[in-house]
Structures are given as structure tokens and as C-alpha cells.
Amino acid sequence: QVQLVESGGGLVQPGGSLRLSCAASASIFSFNFMAWYRQAPGKERELVASITTGGNTNYAASLKGRFTISWGNARTLYLQMNSLKPEDTAVYYCSASETYWGQGTQVTVSA
């Protein structure tokens, strides 16, 4: 069993930045890929970004250029979010190969 704990969410004004962190209880390189997802109220969960053990990244088309996924170390995953918009408001989840999930961290973008 792998545990994932997200942190770094909060309230930010439009145009601001946040960096989300995901702390894993085991090496994230044990998984084929790590990813960030988000779910806004009344909407389905959607992929934000993913990164493979080889370092290949993939982003939702609407987010490319504003969000960056990266590793910190063998047990930490990051999501740097810049130029945030109100529509980015959602609960953000960390996932290990879509097998393990964190509890989520709330991001609210509002003036």
C-alpha cells in the first residue's frame, strides 16, 4: 500500500501561482507514471499532467504552458501552477499510475 499526501493548495488571486507537492510513502519511480488530476464542483475528474519514470511529460491541452509537473526527489512530486484562473479552482489529486490516490488539496482562485 502506497500513501500519497498532497499539500500546497489554498486561496490565490487570479494571475497568481501555487506549487502543489505530493509526498509518497514509497519511491515514485516504482510506478510507470505519476500524475496530477483535478475535479471541480459538478464536473468529472480530469487529468492535469503526468510524468513517466523516463521523464516524459503530458499535459491537458488547455493547461500547457501554465502548469509544470516535476519530481523533487524519489518520494516527492510537484505541480507548479502559474497564471492561475478562476476556472482552475478544483480539488487537485496526486496519483501513482492511477492505482493509488491522495486525499486531494483544494485550490481556489478568486479575487
C-alpha atoms as a PDB file:
ATOM      1  CA  GLN A   1       0.000   0.000   0.000  1.00  0.00           C
ATOM      2  CA  VAL A   2       1.358   3.392  -1.000  1.00  0.00           C
ATOM      3  CA  GLN A   3       0.188   6.560   0.629  1.00  0.00           C
ATOM      4  CA  LEU A   4       0.151   9.882  -1.154  1.00  0.00           C
ATOM      5  CA  VAL A   5      -0.307  13.170   0.658  1.00  0.00           C
ATOM      6  CA  GLU A   6      -0.875  16.391  -1.229  1.00  0.00           C
ATOM      7  CA  SER A   7      -0.148  19.840   0.128  1.00  0.00           C
ATOM      8  CA  GLY A   8       0.274  23.403  -1.068  1.00  0.00           C
ATOM      9  CA  GLY A   9      -3.281  24.241  -2.013  1.00  0.00           C
ATOM     10  CA  GLY A  10      -5.071  27.360  -0.889  1.00  0.00           C
ATOM     11  CA  LEU A  11      -6.670  30.600  -1.954  1.00  0.00           C
ATOM     12  CA  VAL A  12      -4.890  32.645  -4.593  1.00  0.00           C
ATOM     13  CA  GLN A  13      -5.858  35.644  -6.699  1.00  0.00           C
ATOM     14  CA  PRO A  14      -6.217  35.358 -10.478  1.00  0.00           C
ATOM     15  CA  GLY A  15      -2.821  35.573 -12.098  1.00  0.00           C
ATOM     16  CA  GLY A  16      -1.095  34.155  -9.048  1.00  0.00           C
ATOM     17  CA  SER A  17       0.946  30.993  -8.597  1.00  0.00           C
ATOM     18  CA  LEU A  18       0.931  27.946  -6.372  1.00  0.00           C
ATOM     19  CA  ARG A  19       3.140  24.898  -6.095  1.00  0.00           C
ATOM     20  CA  LEU A  20       1.499  21.681  -5.070  1.00  0.00           C
ATOM     21  CA  SER A  21       3.508  18.878  -3.505  1.00  0.00           C
ATOM     22  CA  CYS A  22       2.766  15.185  -3.288  1.00  0.00           C
ATOM     23  CA  ALA A  23       4.666  13.181  -0.688  1.00  0.00           C
ATOM     24  CA  ALA A  24       4.741   9.443  -1.297  1.00  0.00           C
ATOM     25  CA  SER A  25       5.412   6.691   1.235  1.00  0.00           C
ATOM     26  CA  ALA A  26       7.436   4.788  -1.373  1.00  0.00           C
ATOM     27  CA  SER A  27       9.625   5.686  -4.314  1.00  0.00           C
ATOM     28  CA  ILE A  28       7.581   7.252  -7.072  1.00  0.00           C
ATOM     29  CA  PHE A  29       9.962   5.645  -9.538  1.00  0.00           C
ATOM     30  CA  SER A  30       8.315   2.338  -8.670  1.00  0.00           C
ATOM     31  CA  PHE A  31       5.401   3.381 -10.846  1.00  0.00           C
ATOM     32  CA  ASN A  32       5.152   3.703 -14.582  1.00  0.00           C
ATOM     33  CA  PHE A  33       3.930   7.235 -14.204  1.00  0.00           C
ATOM     34  CA  MET A  34       2.801   9.804 -11.678  1.00  0.00           C
ATOM     35  CA  ALA A  35       0.087  12.304 -12.365  1.00  0.00           C
ATOM     36  CA  TRP A  36      -1.970  15.186 -11.112  1.00  0.00           C
ATOM     37  CA  TYR A  37      -5.723  15.256 -11.622  1.00  0.00           C
ATOM     38  CA  ARG A  38      -8.328  17.772 -10.616  1.00  0.00           C
ATOM     39  CA  GLN A  39     -12.039  17.795 -10.001  1.00  0.00           C
ATOM     40  CA  ALA A  40     -14.140  20.921  -9.965  1.00  0.00           C
ATOM     41  CA  PRO A  41     -17.596  21.017  -8.357  1.00  0.00           C
ATOM     42  CA  GLY A  42     -20.146  19.305 -10.550  1.00  0.00           C
ATOM     43  CA  LYS A  43     -17.518  18.117 -13.015  1.00  0.00           C
ATOM     44  CA  GLU A  44     -15.694  14.880 -13.659  1.00  0.00           C
ATOM     45  CA  ARG A  45     -12.130  14.330 -12.563  1.00  0.00           C
ATOM     46  CA  GLU A  46      -9.707  15.286 -15.321  1.00  0.00           C
ATOM     47  CA  LEU A  47      -6.039  14.756 -15.996  1.00  0.00           C
ATOM     48  CA  VAL A  48      -3.888  17.822 -15.412  1.00  0.00           C
ATOM     49  CA  ALA A  49      -0.422  16.454 -16.092  1.00  0.00           C
ATOM     50  CA  SER A  50       1.569  13.244 -15.961  1.00  0.00           C
ATOM     51  CA  ILE A  51       5.231  12.285 -15.914  1.00  0.00           C
ATOM     52  CA  THR A  52       6.806   8.898 -16.642  1.00  0.00           C
ATOM     53  CA  THR A  53       9.838   7.402 -14.969  1.00  0.00           C
ATOM     54  CA  GLY A  54      11.705   8.353 -18.130  1.00  0.00           C
ATOM     55  CA  GLY A  55      10.786  11.982 -17.627  1.00  0.00           C
ATOM     56  CA  ASN A  56       8.257  12.252 -20.427  1.00  0.00           C
ATOM     57  CA  THR A  57       5.518  14.696 -19.575  1.00  0.00           C
ATOM     58  CA  ASN A  58       1.989  15.136 -20.796  1.00  0.00           C
ATOM     59  CA  TYR A  59      -0.378  17.999 -20.118  1.00  0.00           C
ATOM     60  CA  ALA A  60      -4.018  18.778 -20.660  1.00  0.00           C
ATOM     61  CA  ALA A  61      -4.049  20.906 -23.782  1.00  0.00           C
ATOM     62  CA  SER A  62      -5.738  23.822 -22.053  1.00  0.00           C
ATOM     63  CA  LEU A  63      -3.085  23.931 -19.328  1.00  0.00           C
ATOM     64  CA  LYS A  64       0.108  23.519 -21.273  1.00  0.00           C
ATOM     65  CA  GLY A  65       2.416  26.440 -20.730  1.00  0.00           C
ATOM     66  CA  ARG A  66       0.954  27.407 -17.377  1.00  0.00           C
ATOM     67  CA  PHE A  67       1.451  24.215 -15.358  1.00  0.00           C
ATOM     68  CA  THR A  68       4.647  22.199 -14.899  1.00  0.00           C
ATOM     69  CA  ILE A  69       4.928  18.726 -13.388  1.00  0.00           C
ATOM     70  CA  SER A  70       8.252  17.601 -11.951  1.00  0.00           C
ATOM     71  CA  TRP A  71       9.954  15.380  -9.406  1.00  0.00           C
ATOM     72  CA  GLY A  72      11.587  16.782  -6.308  1.00  0.00           C
ATOM     73  CA  ASN A  73      13.216  13.562  -5.163  1.00  0.00           C
ATOM     74  CA  ALA A  74      12.320   9.880  -5.190  1.00  0.00           C
ATOM     75  CA  ARG A  75       9.304  10.467  -2.983  1.00  0.00           C
ATOM     76  CA  THR A  76       8.093  13.918  -3.990  1.00  0.00           C
ATOM     77  CA  LEU A  77       6.100  15.105  -6.967  1.00  0.00           C
ATOM     78  CA  TYR A  78       5.367  18.741  -7.725  1.00  0.00           C
ATOM     79  CA  LEU A  79       2.909  20.719  -9.770  1.00  0.00           C
ATOM     80  CA  GLN A  80       3.889  24.329 -10.405  1.00  0.00           C
ATOM     81  CA  MET A  81       0.852  26.360 -11.401  1.00  0.00           C
ATOM     82  CA  ASN A  82       1.266  29.844 -12.838  1.00  0.00           C
ATOM     83  CA  SER A  83      -1.120  32.451 -14.225  1.00  0.00           C
ATOM     84  CA  LEU A  84      -3.957  30.850 -12.338  1.00  0.00           C
ATOM     85  CA  LYS A  85      -7.519  31.475 -13.458  1.00  0.00           C
ATOM     86  CA  PRO A  86     -10.833  31.121 -11.611  1.00  0.00           C
ATOM     87  CA  GLU A  87     -11.595  28.077 -13.753  1.00  0.00           C
ATOM     88  CA  ASP A  88      -8.575  26.340 -12.229  1.00  0.00           C
ATOM     89  CA  THR A  89     -10.496  26.135  -8.963  1.00  0.00           C
ATOM     90  CA  ALA A  90     -10.772  22.464  -8.033  1.00  0.00           C
ATOM     91  CA  VAL A  91      -9.552  19.748  -5.729  1.00  0.00           C
ATOM     92  CA  TYR A  92      -6.203  18.544  -7.026  1.00  0.00           C
ATOM     93  CA  TYR A  93      -5.213  14.913  -6.600  1.00  0.00           C
ATOM     94  CA  CYS A  94      -1.901  13.130  -6.883  1.00  0.00           C
ATOM     95  CA  SER A  95      -1.924   9.641  -8.356  1.00  0.00           C
ATOM     96  CA  ALA A  96       0.596   6.839  -8.778  1.00  0.00           C
ATOM     97  CA  SER A  97      -0.206   5.038 -12.030  1.00  0.00           C
ATOM     98  CA  GLU A  98      -3.907   5.621 -11.334  1.00  0.00           C
ATOM     99  CA  THR A  99      -3.594   2.873  -8.727  1.00  0.00           C
ATOM    100  CA  TYR A 100      -3.031   4.947  -5.633  1.00  0.00           C
ATOM    101  CA  TRP A 101      -4.579   8.312  -4.909  1.00  0.00           C
ATOM    102  CA  GLY A 102      -4.086  11.048  -2.392  1.00  0.00           C
ATOM    103  CA  GLN A 103      -6.871  12.738  -0.481  1.00  0.00           C
ATOM    104  CA  GLY A 104      -6.638  15.906  -2.539  1.00  0.00           C
ATOM    105  CA  THR A 105      -5.837  19.531  -1.847  1.00  0.00           C
ATOM    106  CA  GLN A 106      -8.201  22.414  -2.542  1.00  0.00           C
ATOM    107  CA  VAL A 107      -7.120  25.177  -4.891  1.00  0.00           C
ATOM    108  CA  THR A 108      -9.349  28.230  -5.068  1.00  0.00           C
ATOM    109  CA  VAL A 109      -8.635  31.044  -7.497  1.00  0.00           C
ATOM    110  CA  SER A 110     -10.655  34.098  -6.646  1.00  0.00           C
ATOM    111  CA  ALA A 111     -10.328  37.829  -6.227  1.00  0.00           C
END
